[in-house]
Amino acid sequence: MIIWTGWGILVPVFMALGAGGGGLLTEELFGVGTGGNGALVGALLAAVAIFLLGRKLNKPEQGYHPRTGEPVVYRNRHTFFFVPMQYWSAIIPVIGLIVTVVTMIKGTA
């Protein structure tokens, strides 16, 4: 089960497009066996995009209470698995490095 709020569902979409697109592009340009490096670069680019979008979407906004007119800060919540979008930009490179290292180890064994 996937849990998200707001536009948090864009985290796996960006990740799949970045890593998948980078891997396929690298395989096409440089040959078989190079897709892992391209997927890592694509994942890092996706992490940058997720950070920028998450920071923009989760920015608190100043507003006013409709009845009292008092100033209120409205906080937006765009999360994926209860983690705000912009914090996934730190998690994704770690996942990408782990996958790359495991792939390299399997390739040499």
PDB file of N, CA and C in Angstrom:
ATOM      1  N   MET A   1       0.832  -1.168   0.000  1.00  0.00           N
ATOM      2  CA  MET A   1       0.000   0.000   0.000  1.00  0.00           C
ATOM      3  C   MET A   1       0.887   1.245   0.000  1.00  0.00           C
ATOM      4  N   ILE A   2       0.556   2.183  -0.866  1.00  0.00           N
ATOM      5  CA  ILE A   2       1.302   3.434  -0.967  1.00  0.00           C
ATOM      6  C   ILE A   2       0.514   4.517  -0.249  1.00  0.00           C
ATOM      7  N   ILE A   3       1.207   5.267   0.605  1.00  0.00           N
ATOM      8  CA  ILE A   3       0.565   6.309   1.398  1.00  0.00           C
ATOM      9  C   ILE A   3       1.175   7.648   1.017  1.00  0.00           C
ATOM     10  N   TRP A   4       0.309   8.611   0.640  1.00  0.00           N
ATOM     11  CA  TRP A   4       0.800   9.947   0.326  1.00  0.00           C
ATOM     12  C   TRP A   4      -0.284  10.969   0.652  1.00  0.00           C
ATOM     13  N   THR A   5       0.133  12.209   0.788  1.00  0.00           N
ATOM     14  CA  THR A   5      -0.808  13.311   0.923  1.00  0.00           C
ATOM     15  C   THR A   5      -0.429  14.380  -0.098  1.00  0.00           C
ATOM     16  N   GLY A   6      -1.414  15.087  -0.604  1.00  0.00           N
ATOM     17  CA  GLY A   6      -1.169  16.145  -1.578  1.00  0.00           C
ATOM     18  C   GLY A   6      -0.505  15.602  -2.829  1.00  0.00           C
ATOM     19  N   TRP A   7       0.545  16.284  -3.253  1.00  0.00           N
ATOM     20  CA  TRP A   7       1.278  15.900  -4.443  1.00  0.00           C
ATOM     21  C   TRP A   7       2.463  14.987  -4.126  1.00  0.00           C
ATOM     22  N   GLY A   8       2.478  14.344  -2.976  1.00  0.00           N
ATOM     23  CA  GLY A   8       3.567  13.448  -2.600  1.00  0.00           C
ATOM     24  C   GLY A   8       3.728  12.255  -3.524  1.00  0.00           C
ATOM     25  N   ILE A   9       2.690  11.913  -4.260  1.00  0.00           N
ATOM     26  CA  ILE A   9       2.770  10.787  -5.186  1.00  0.00           C
ATOM     27  C   ILE A   9       3.752  11.062  -6.322  1.00  0.00           C
ATOM     28  N   LEU A  10       4.146  12.314  -6.486  1.00  0.00           N
ATOM     29  CA  LEU A  10       5.120  12.643  -7.534  1.00  0.00           C
ATOM     30  C   LEU A  10       6.521  12.136  -7.213  1.00  0.00           C
ATOM     31  N   VAL A  11       6.800  11.793  -5.967  1.00  0.00           N
ATOM     32  CA  VAL A  11       8.126  11.293  -5.596  1.00  0.00           C
ATOM     33  C   VAL A  11       8.461  10.012  -6.372  1.00  0.00           C
ATOM     34  N   PRO A  12       7.636   8.956  -6.322  1.00  0.00           N
ATOM     35  CA  PRO A  12       8.004   7.763  -7.100  1.00  0.00           C
ATOM     36  C   PRO A  12       7.913   7.989  -8.612  1.00  0.00           C
ATOM     37  N   VAL A  13       7.037   8.891  -9.038  1.00  0.00           N
ATOM     38  CA  VAL A  13       6.935   9.173 -10.475  1.00  0.00           C
ATOM     39  C   VAL A  13       8.233   9.813 -10.972  1.00  0.00           C
ATOM     40  N   PHE A  14       8.718  10.839 -10.268  1.00  0.00           N
ATOM     41  CA  PHE A  14       9.976  11.481 -10.649  1.00  0.00           C
ATOM     42  C   PHE A  14      11.133  10.487 -10.569  1.00  0.00           C
ATOM     43  N   MET A  15      11.127   9.658  -9.534  1.00  0.00           N
ATOM     44  CA  MET A  15      12.201   8.686  -9.358  1.00  0.00           C
ATOM     45  C   MET A  15      12.220   7.680 -10.511  1.00  0.00           C
ATOM     46  N   ALA A  16      11.055   7.176 -10.884  1.00  0.00           N
ATOM     47  CA  ALA A  16      10.980   6.200 -11.978  1.00  0.00           C
ATOM     48  C   ALA A  16      11.386   6.831 -13.305  1.00  0.00           C
ATOM     49  N   LEU A  17      10.910   8.046 -13.550  1.00  0.00           N
ATOM     50  CA  LEU A  17      11.266   8.711 -14.792  1.00  0.00           C
ATOM     51  C   LEU A  17      12.748   9.056 -14.850  1.00  0.00           C
ATOM     52  N   GLY A  18      13.298   9.522 -13.729  1.00  0.00           N
ATOM     53  CA  GLY A  18      14.711   9.887 -13.706  1.00  0.00           C
ATOM     54  C   GLY A  18      15.626   8.689 -13.844  1.00  0.00           C
ATOM     55  N   ALA A  19      15.431   7.700 -12.977  1.00  0.00           N
ATOM     56  CA  ALA A  19      16.302   6.525 -12.996  1.00  0.00           C
ATOM     57  C   ALA A  19      16.079   5.689 -14.254  1.00  0.00           C
ATOM     58  N   GLY A  20      14.825   5.467 -14.598  1.00  0.00           N
ATOM     59  CA  GLY A  20      14.529   4.670 -15.787  1.00  0.00           C
ATOM     60  C   GLY A  20      14.995   5.346 -17.057  1.00  0.00           C
ATOM     61  N   GLY A  21      14.703   6.632 -17.170  1.00  0.00           N
ATOM     62  CA  GLY A  21      15.120   7.378 -18.358  1.00  0.00           C
ATOM     63  C   GLY A  21      16.629   7.479 -18.464  1.00  0.00           C
ATOM     64  N   GLY A  22      17.299   7.736 -17.350  1.00  0.00           N
ATOM     65  CA  GLY A  22      18.762   7.814 -17.363  1.00  0.00           C
ATOM     66  C   GLY A  22      19.400   6.488 -17.728  1.00  0.00           C
ATOM     67  N   GLY A  23      18.858   5.410 -17.185  1.00  0.00           N
ATOM     68  CA  GLY A  23      19.394   4.085 -17.495  1.00  0.00           C
ATOM     69  C   GLY A  23      19.199   3.704 -18.943  1.00  0.00           C
ATOM     70  N   LEU A  24      18.003   3.945 -19.470  1.00  0.00           N
ATOM     71  CA  LEU A  24      17.735   3.610 -20.869  1.00  0.00           C
ATOM     72  C   LEU A  24      18.556   4.467 -21.826  1.00  0.00           C
ATOM     73  N   LEU A  25      18.668   5.750 -21.521  1.00  0.00           N
ATOM     74  CA  LEU A  25      19.449   6.642 -22.379  1.00  0.00           C
ATOM     75  C   LEU A  25      20.926   6.252 -22.397  1.00  0.00           C
ATOM     76  N   THR A  26      21.459   5.917 -21.228  1.00  0.00           N
ATOM     77  CA  THR A  26      22.866   5.518 -21.156  1.00  0.00           C
ATOM     78  C   THR A  26      23.108   4.197 -21.891  1.00  0.00           C
ATOM     79  N   GLU A  27      22.192   3.252 -21.747  1.00  0.00           N
ATOM     80  CA  GLU A  27      22.320   1.971 -22.472  1.00  0.00           C
ATOM     81  C   GLU A  27      22.309   2.207 -23.980  1.00  0.00           C
ATOM     82  N   GLU A  28      21.445   3.106 -24.423  1.00  0.00           N
ATOM     83  CA  GLU A  28      21.339   3.381 -25.861  1.00  0.00           C
ATOM     84  C   GLU A  28      22.580   4.082 -26.395  1.00  0.00           C
ATOM     85  N   LEU A  29      23.120   5.022 -25.621  1.00  0.00           N
ATOM     86  CA  LEU A  29      24.262   5.803 -26.094  1.00  0.00           C
ATOM     87  C   LEU A  29      25.597   5.078 -25.959  1.00  0.00           C
ATOM     88  N   PHE A  30      25.791   4.361 -24.837  1.00  0.00           N
ATOM     89  CA  PHE A  30      27.115   3.807 -24.543  1.00  0.00           C
ATOM     90  C   PHE A  30      27.181   2.292 -24.558  1.00  0.00           C
ATOM     91  N   GLY A  31      26.091   1.617 -24.767  1.00  0.00           N
ATOM     92  CA  GLY A  31      26.115   0.171 -24.887  1.00  0.00           C
ATOM     93  C   GLY A  31      25.606  -0.562 -23.662  1.00  0.00           C
ATOM     94  N   VAL A  32      25.520  -1.859 -23.822  1.00  0.00           N
ATOM     95  CA  VAL A  32      24.978  -2.727 -22.777  1.00  0.00           C
ATOM     96  C   VAL A  32      25.887  -2.721 -21.557  1.00  0.00           C
ATOM     97  N   GLY A  33      25.296  -2.684 -20.378  1.00  0.00           N
ATOM     98  CA  GLY A  33      26.051  -2.741 -19.136  1.00  0.00           C
ATOM     99  C   GLY A  33      26.346  -1.387 -18.519  1.00  0.00           C
ATOM    100  N   THR A  34      25.967  -0.315 -19.193  1.00  0.00           N
ATOM    101  CA  THR A  34      26.252   1.017 -18.654  1.00  0.00           C
ATOM    102  C   THR A  34      25.011   1.679 -18.057  1.00  0.00           C
ATOM    103  N   GLY A  35      23.900   0.991 -18.085  1.00  0.00           N
ATOM    104  CA  GLY A  35      22.641   1.573 -17.618  1.00  0.00           C
ATOM    105  C   GLY A  35      22.611   1.902 -16.144  1.00  0.00           C
ATOM    106  N   GLY A  36      23.361   1.169 -15.338  1.00  0.00           N
ATOM    107  CA  GLY A  36      23.376   1.421 -13.891  1.00  0.00           C
ATOM    108  C   GLY A  36      23.905   2.805 -13.551  1.00  0.00           C
ATOM    109  N   ASN A  37      24.967   3.209 -14.246  1.00  0.00           N
ATOM    110  CA  ASN A  37      25.520   4.540 -14.002  1.00  0.00           C
ATOM    111  C   ASN A  37      24.543   5.631 -14.427  1.00  0.00           C
ATOM    112  N   GLY A  38      23.889   5.436 -15.561  1.00  0.00           N
ATOM    113  CA  GLY A  38      22.899   6.399 -16.026  1.00  0.00           C
ATOM    114  C   GLY A  38      21.698   6.469 -15.104  1.00  0.00           C
ATOM    115  N   ALA A  39      21.299   5.326 -14.553  1.00  0.00           N
ATOM    116  CA  ALA A  39      20.179   5.304 -13.621  1.00  0.00           C
ATOM    117  C   ALA A  39      20.532   6.077 -12.351  1.00  0.00           C
ATOM    118  N   LEU A  40      21.775   5.953 -11.902  1.00  0.00           N
ATOM    119  CA  LEU A  40      22.204   6.692 -10.712  1.00  0.00           C
ATOM    120  C   LEU A  40      22.187   8.197 -10.981  1.00  0.00           C
ATOM    121  N   VAL A  41      22.702   8.611 -12.117  1.00  0.00           N
ATOM    122  CA  VAL A  41      22.691  10.033 -12.466  1.00  0.00           C
ATOM    123  C   VAL A  41      21.254  10.530 -12.616  1.00  0.00           C
ATOM    124  N   GLY A  42      20.402   9.737 -13.250  1.00  0.00           N
ATOM    125  CA  GLY A  42      18.986  10.103 -13.387  1.00  0.00           C
ATOM    126  C   GLY A  42      18.302  10.211 -12.039  1.00  0.00           C
ATOM    127  N   ALA A  43      18.632   9.317 -11.105  1.00  0.00           N
ATOM    128  CA  ALA A  43      18.053   9.377  -9.761  1.00  0.00           C
ATOM    129  C   ALA A  43      18.513  10.631  -9.027  1.00  0.00           C
ATOM    130  N   LEU A  44      19.775  11.005  -9.217  1.00  0.00           N
ATOM    131  CA  LEU A  44      20.271  12.229  -8.577  1.00  0.00           C
ATOM    132  C   LEU A  44      19.584  13.467  -9.147  1.00  0.00           C
ATOM    133  N   LEU A  45      19.366  13.497 -10.447  1.00  0.00           N
ATOM    134  CA  LEU A  45      18.640  14.611 -11.053  1.00  0.00           C
ATOM    135  C   LEU A  45      17.188  14.646 -10.572  1.00  0.00           C
ATOM    136  N   ALA A  46      16.574  13.479 -10.432  1.00  0.00           N
ATOM    137  CA  ALA A  46      15.207  13.413  -9.909  1.00  0.00           C
ATOM    138  C   ALA A  46      15.164  13.916  -8.463  1.00  0.00           C
ATOM    139  N   ALA A  47      16.199  13.604  -7.681  1.00  0.00           N
ATOM    140  CA  ALA A  47      16.253  14.072  -6.292  1.00  0.00           C
ATOM    141  C   ALA A  47      16.307  15.592  -6.227  1.00  0.00           C
ATOM    142  N   VAL A  48      17.054  16.203  -7.138  1.00  0.00           N
ATOM    143  CA  VAL A  48      17.112  17.672  -7.180  1.00  0.00           C
ATOM    144  C   VAL A  48      15.739  18.246  -7.516  1.00  0.00           C
ATOM    145  N   ALA A  49      15.074  17.653  -8.506  1.00  0.00           N
ATOM    146  CA  ALA A  49      13.743  18.126  -8.896  1.00  0.00           C
ATOM    147  C   ALA A  49      12.740  17.951  -7.758  1.00  0.00           C
ATOM    148  N   ILE A  50      12.816  16.829  -7.060  1.00  0.00           N
ATOM    149  CA  ILE A  50      11.908  16.576  -5.934  1.00  0.00           C
ATOM    150  C   ILE A  50      12.155  17.571  -4.811  1.00  0.00           C
ATOM    151  N   PHE A  51      13.419  17.887  -4.545  1.00  0.00           N
ATOM    152  CA  PHE A  51      13.733  18.863  -3.505  1.00  0.00           C
ATOM    153  C   PHE A  51      13.143  20.228  -3.835  1.00  0.00           C
ATOM    154  N   LEU A  52      13.376  20.687  -5.058  1.00  0.00           N
ATOM    155  CA  LEU A  52      12.891  22.013  -5.439  1.00  0.00           C
ATOM    156  C   LEU A  52      11.364  22.077  -5.425  1.00  0.00           C
ATOM    157  N   LEU A  53      10.708  21.056  -5.968  1.00  0.00           N
ATOM    158  CA  LEU A  53       9.256  21.037  -5.986  1.00  0.00           C
ATOM    159  C   LEU A  53       8.679  20.889  -4.585  1.00  0.00           C
ATOM    160  N   GLY A  54       9.265  20.007  -3.783  1.00  0.00           N
ATOM    161  CA  GLY A  54       8.784  19.799  -2.408  1.00  0.00           C
ATOM    162  C   GLY A  54       8.923  21.045  -1.560  1.00  0.00           C
ATOM    163  N   ARG A  55      10.042  21.739  -1.718  1.00  0.00           N
ATOM    164  CA  ARG A  55      10.245  22.970  -0.949  1.00  0.00           C
ATOM    165  C   ARG A  55       9.219  24.029  -1.343  1.00  0.00           C
ATOM    166  N   LYS A  56       8.918  24.111  -2.627  1.00  0.00           N
ATOM    167  CA  LYS A  56       7.933  25.088  -3.096  1.00  0.00           C
ATOM    168  C   LYS A  56       6.524  24.717  -2.616  1.00  0.00           C
ATOM    169  N   LEU A  57       6.157  23.447  -2.732  1.00  0.00           N
ATOM    170  CA  LEU A  57       4.809  23.026  -2.361  1.00  0.00           C
ATOM    171  C   LEU A  57       4.569  23.062  -0.852  1.00  0.00           C
ATOM    172  N   ASN A  58       5.583  22.754  -0.052  1.00  0.00           N
ATOM    173  CA  ASN A  58       5.414  22.688   1.403  1.00  0.00           C
ATOM    174  C   ASN A  58       5.727  24.004   2.104  1.00  0.00           C
ATOM    175  N   LYS A  59       5.898  25.074   1.354  1.00  0.00           N
ATOM    176  CA  LYS A  59       6.190  26.377   1.943  1.00  0.00           C
ATOM    177  C   LYS A  59       4.961  26.888   2.708  1.00  0.00           C
ATOM    178  N   PRO A  60       5.137  27.274   3.988  1.00  0.00           N
ATOM    179  CA  PRO A  60       4.002  27.821   4.738  1.00  0.00           C
ATOM    180  C   PRO A  60       3.535  29.150   4.128  1.00  0.00           C
ATOM    181  N   GLU A  61       2.235  29.376   4.172  1.00  0.00           N
ATOM    182  CA  GLU A  61       1.680  30.598   3.610  1.00  0.00           C
ATOM    183  C   GLU A  61       0.967  31.401   4.692  1.00  0.00           C
ATOM    184  N   GLN A  62       1.164  32.703   4.658  1.00  0.00           N
ATOM    185  CA  GLN A  62       0.508  33.601   5.599  1.00  0.00           C
ATOM    186  C   GLN A  62      -0.917  33.860   5.117  1.00  0.00           C
ATOM    187  N   GLY A  63      -1.852  33.758   6.028  1.00  0.00           N
ATOM    188  CA  GLY A  63      -3.250  34.029   5.700  1.00  0.00           C
ATOM    189  C   GLY A  63      -3.948  34.623   6.911  1.00  0.00           C
ATOM    190  N   TYR A  64      -5.240  34.755   6.797  1.00  0.00           N
ATOM    191  CA  TYR A  64      -6.036  35.329   7.884  1.00  0.00           C
ATOM    192  C   TYR A  64      -7.241  34.452   8.156  1.00  0.00           C
ATOM    193  N   HIS A  65      -7.566  34.324   9.424  1.00  0.00           N
ATOM    194  CA  HIS A  65      -8.726  33.543   9.834  1.00  0.00           C
ATOM    195  C   HIS A  65      -9.979  34.221   9.283  1.00  0.00           C
ATOM    196  N   PRO A  66     -10.894  33.435   8.670  1.00  0.00           N
ATOM    197  CA  PRO A  66     -12.043  34.059   8.019  1.00  0.00           C
ATOM    198  C   PRO A  66     -12.983  34.826   8.969  1.00  0.00           C
ATOM    199  N   ARG A  67     -13.150  34.348  10.191  1.00  0.00           N
ATOM    200  CA  ARG A  67     -14.090  35.004  11.110  1.00  0.00           C
ATOM    201  C   ARG A  67     -13.442  36.108  11.940  1.00  0.00           C
ATOM    202  N   THR A  68     -12.262  35.816  12.456  1.00  0.00           N
ATOM    203  CA  THR A  68     -11.647  36.769  13.386  1.00  0.00           C
ATOM    204  C   THR A  68     -10.708  37.748  12.703  1.00  0.00           C
ATOM    205  N   GLY A  69     -10.223  37.427  11.534  1.00  0.00           N
ATOM    206  CA  GLY A  69      -9.280  38.300  10.850  1.00  0.00           C
ATOM    207  C   GLY A  69      -7.871  38.229  11.408  1.00  0.00           C
ATOM    208  N   GLU A  70      -7.628  37.322  12.366  1.00  0.00           N
ATOM    209  CA  GLU A  70      -6.299  37.144  12.951  1.00  0.00           C
ATOM    210  C   GLU A  70      -5.351  36.498  11.939  1.00  0.00           C
ATOM    211  N   PRO A  71      -4.077  36.869  11.978  1.00  0.00           N
ATOM    212  CA  PRO A  71      -3.124  36.220  11.071  1.00  0.00           C
ATOM    213  C   PRO A  71      -2.929  34.744  11.434  1.00  0.00           C
ATOM    214  N   VAL A  72      -2.871  33.925  10.416  1.00  0.00           N
ATOM    215  CA  VAL A  72      -2.716  32.480  10.587  1.00  0.00           C
ATOM    216  C   VAL A  72      -1.682  32.001   9.566  1.00  0.00           C
ATOM    217  N   VAL A  73      -0.869  31.025   9.951  1.00  0.00           N
ATOM    218  CA  VAL A  73       0.079  30.403   9.026  1.00  0.00           C
ATOM    219  C   VAL A  73      -0.513  29.074   8.579  1.00  0.00           C
ATOM    220  N   TYR A  74      -0.755  28.944   7.282  1.00  0.00           N
ATOM    221  CA  TYR A  74      -1.267  27.707   6.715  1.00  0.00           C
ATOM    222  C   TYR A  74      -0.093  26.864   6.249  1.00  0.00           C
ATOM    223  N   ARG A  75      -0.047  25.637   6.743  1.00  0.00           N
ATOM    224  CA  ARG A  75       1.039  24.728   6.380  1.00  0.00           C
ATOM    225  C   ARG A  75       0.505  23.687   5.398  1.00  0.00           C
ATOM    226  N   ASN A  76       1.179  23.579   4.287  1.00  0.00           N
ATOM    227  CA  ASN A  76       0.816  22.579   3.281  1.00  0.00           C
ATOM    228  C   ASN A  76       1.495  21.268   3.629  1.00  0.00           C
ATOM    229  N   ARG A  77       0.846  20.165   3.310  1.00  0.00           N
ATOM    230  CA  ARG A  77       1.417  18.852   3.582  1.00  0.00           C
ATOM    231  C   ARG A  77       1.409  18.029   2.306  1.00  0.00           C
ATOM    232  N   HIS A  78       2.573  17.873   1.725  1.00  0.00           N
ATOM    233  CA  HIS A  78       2.752  17.009   0.563  1.00  0.00           C
ATOM    234  C   HIS A  78       3.799  15.979   0.967  1.00  0.00           C
ATOM    235  N   THR A  79       3.341  14.777   1.314  1.00  0.00           N
ATOM    236  CA  THR A  79       4.234  13.751   1.851  1.00  0.00           C
ATOM    237  C   THR A  79       4.103  12.456   1.057  1.00  0.00           C
ATOM    238  N   PHE A  80       5.139  11.645   1.163  1.00  0.00           N
ATOM    239  CA  PHE A  80       5.133  10.290   0.623  1.00  0.00           C
ATOM    240  C   PHE A  80       5.618   9.382   1.745  1.00  0.00           C
ATOM    241  N   PHE A  81       4.789   8.457   2.164  1.00  0.00           N
ATOM    242  CA  PHE A  81       5.045   7.621   3.333  1.00  0.00           C
ATOM    243  C   PHE A  81       5.393   8.475   4.554  1.00  0.00           C
ATOM    244  N   PHE A  82       4.606   9.506   4.781  1.00  0.00           N
ATOM    245  CA  PHE A  82       4.682  10.405   5.938  1.00  0.00           C
ATOM    246  C   PHE A  82       5.950  11.257   5.971  1.00  0.00           C
ATOM    247  N   VAL A  83       6.774  11.214   4.925  1.00  0.00           N
ATOM    248  CA  VAL A  83       7.995  12.019   4.848  1.00  0.00           C
ATOM    249  C   VAL A  83       7.725  13.161   3.867  1.00  0.00           C
ATOM    250  N   PRO A  84       7.941  14.422   4.283  1.00  0.00           N
ATOM    251  CA  PRO A  84       7.731  15.532   3.349  1.00  0.00           C
ATOM    252  C   PRO A  84       8.570  15.359   2.083  1.00  0.00           C
ATOM    253  N   MET A  85       8.024  15.824   0.979  1.00  0.00           N
ATOM    254  CA  MET A  85       8.646  15.609  -0.333  1.00  0.00           C
ATOM    255  C   MET A  85      10.110  16.019  -0.382  1.00  0.00           C
ATOM    256  N   GLN A  86      10.437  17.188   0.133  1.00  0.00           N
ATOM    257  CA  GLN A  86      11.804  17.693  -0.016  1.00  0.00           C
ATOM    258  C   GLN A  86      12.823  16.821   0.704  1.00  0.00           C
ATOM    259  N   TYR A  87      12.414  16.076   1.737  1.00  0.00           N
ATOM    260  CA  TYR A  87      13.355  15.219   2.455  1.00  0.00           C
ATOM    261  C   TYR A  87      13.677  13.946   1.679  1.00  0.00           C
ATOM    262  N   TRP A  88      12.835  13.582   0.717  1.00  0.00           N
ATOM    263  CA  TRP A  88      13.136  12.432  -0.123  1.00  0.00           C
ATOM    264  C   TRP A  88      14.359  12.677  -0.985  1.00  0.00           C
ATOM    265  N   SER A  89      14.715  13.943  -1.177  1.00  0.00           N
ATOM    266  CA  SER A  89      15.907  14.238  -1.980  1.00  0.00           C
ATOM    267  C   SER A  89      17.184  13.781  -1.283  1.00  0.00           C
ATOM    268  N   ALA A  90      17.148  13.541   0.014  1.00  0.00           N
ATOM    269  CA  ALA A  90      18.298  12.991   0.739  1.00  0.00           C
ATOM    270  C   ALA A  90      18.238  11.464   0.785  1.00  0.00           C
ATOM    271  N   ILE A  91      17.046  10.909   0.708  1.00  0.00           N
ATOM    272  CA  ILE A  91      16.877   9.451   0.784  1.00  0.00           C
ATOM    273  C   ILE A  91      17.176   8.792  -0.563  1.00  0.00           C
ATOM    274  N   ILE A  92      16.768   9.423  -1.641  1.00  0.00           N
ATOM    275  CA  ILE A  92      16.913   8.829  -2.976  1.00  0.00           C
ATOM    276  C   ILE A  92      18.365   8.573  -3.360  1.00  0.00           C
ATOM    277  N   PRO A  93      19.315   9.502  -3.146  1.00  0.00           N
ATOM    278  CA  PRO A  93      20.710   9.186  -3.496  1.00  0.00           C
ATOM    279  C   PRO A  93      21.271   8.006  -2.700  1.00  0.00           C
ATOM    280  N   VAL A  94      20.864   7.869  -1.459  1.00  0.00           N
ATOM    281  CA  VAL A  94      21.321   6.727  -0.656  1.00  0.00           C
ATOM    282  C   VAL A  94      20.804   5.423  -1.262  1.00  0.00           C
ATOM    283  N   ILE A  95      19.539   5.407  -1.633  1.00  0.00           N
ATOM    284  CA  ILE A  95      18.972   4.215  -2.275  1.00  0.00           C
ATOM    285  C   ILE A  95      19.700   3.933  -3.592  1.00  0.00           C
ATOM    286  N   GLY A  96      19.952   4.992  -4.374  1.00  0.00           N
ATOM    287  CA  GLY A  96      20.662   4.828  -5.648  1.00  0.00           C
ATOM    288  C   GLY A  96      22.068   4.273  -5.470  1.00  0.00           C
ATOM    289  N   LEU A  97      22.787   4.759  -4.459  1.00  0.00           N
ATOM    290  CA  LEU A  97      24.139   4.243  -4.201  1.00  0.00           C
ATOM    291  C   LEU A  97      24.114   2.785  -3.760  1.00  0.00           C
ATOM    292  N   ILE A  98      23.158   2.436  -2.924  1.00  0.00           N
ATOM    293  CA  ILE A  98      23.042   1.043  -2.473  1.00  0.00           C
ATOM    294  C   ILE A  98      22.771   0.133  -3.656  1.00  0.00           C
ATOM    295  N   VAL A  99      21.838   0.521  -4.515  1.00  0.00           N
ATOM    296  CA  VAL A  99      21.523  -0.296  -5.687  1.00  0.00           C
ATOM    297  C   VAL A  99      22.730  -0.402  -6.619  1.00  0.00           C
ATOM    298  N   THR A 100      23.454   0.681  -6.809  1.00  0.00           N
ATOM    299  CA  THR A 100      24.641   0.658  -7.670  1.00  0.00           C
ATOM    300  C   THR A 100      25.719  -0.259  -7.114  1.00  0.00           C
ATOM    301  N   VAL A 101      25.972  -0.165  -5.817  1.00  0.00           N
ATOM    302  CA  VAL A 101      27.001  -1.023  -5.198  1.00  0.00           C
ATOM    303  C   VAL A 101      26.599  -2.489  -5.274  1.00  0.00           C
ATOM    304  N   VAL A 102      25.346  -2.798  -4.990  1.00  0.00           N
ATOM    305  CA  VAL A 102      24.888  -4.187  -5.064  1.00  0.00           C
ATOM    306  C   VAL A 102      25.007  -4.702  -6.494  1.00  0.00           C
ATOM    307  N   THR A 103      24.665  -3.883  -7.467  1.00  0.00           N
ATOM    308  CA  THR A 103      24.785  -4.283  -8.868  1.00  0.00           C
ATOM    309  C   THR A 103      26.243  -4.531  -9.253  1.00  0.00           C
ATOM    310  N   MET A 104      27.139  -3.675  -8.779  1.00  0.00           N
ATOM    311  CA  MET A 104      28.560  -3.862  -9.078  1.00  0.00           C
ATOM    312  C   MET A 104      29.099  -5.133  -8.433  1.00  0.00           C
ATOM    313  N   ILE A 105      28.679  -5.421  -7.213  1.00  0.00           N
ATOM    314  CA  ILE A 105      29.128  -6.629  -6.535  1.00  0.00           C
ATOM    315  C   ILE A 105      28.629  -7.871  -7.254  1.00  0.00           C
ATOM    316  N   LYS A 106      27.364  -7.855  -7.668  1.00  0.00           N
ATOM    317  CA  LYS A 106      26.817  -9.005  -8.404  1.00  0.00           C
ATOM    318  C   LYS A 106      27.498  -9.184  -9.747  1.00  0.00           C
ATOM    319  N   GLY A 107      27.894  -8.082 -10.384  1.00  0.00           N
ATOM    320  CA  GLY A 107      28.563  -8.155 -11.677  1.00  0.00           C
ATOM    321  C   GLY A 107      29.944  -8.748 -11.614  1.00  0.00           C
ATOM    322  N   THR A 108      30.652  -8.596 -10.471  1.00  0.00           N
ATOM    323  CA  THR A 108      32.003  -9.119 -10.342  1.00  0.00           C
ATOM    324  C   THR A 108      32.012 -10.544  -9.802  1.00  0.00           C
ATOM    325  N   ALA A 109      30.918 -10.988  -9.224  1.00  0.00           N
ATOM    326  CA  ALA A 109      30.888 -12.325  -8.617  1.00  0.00           C
ATOM    327  C   ALA A 109      30.644 -13.411  -9.616  1.00  0.00           C
TER     328      ALA A 109
END
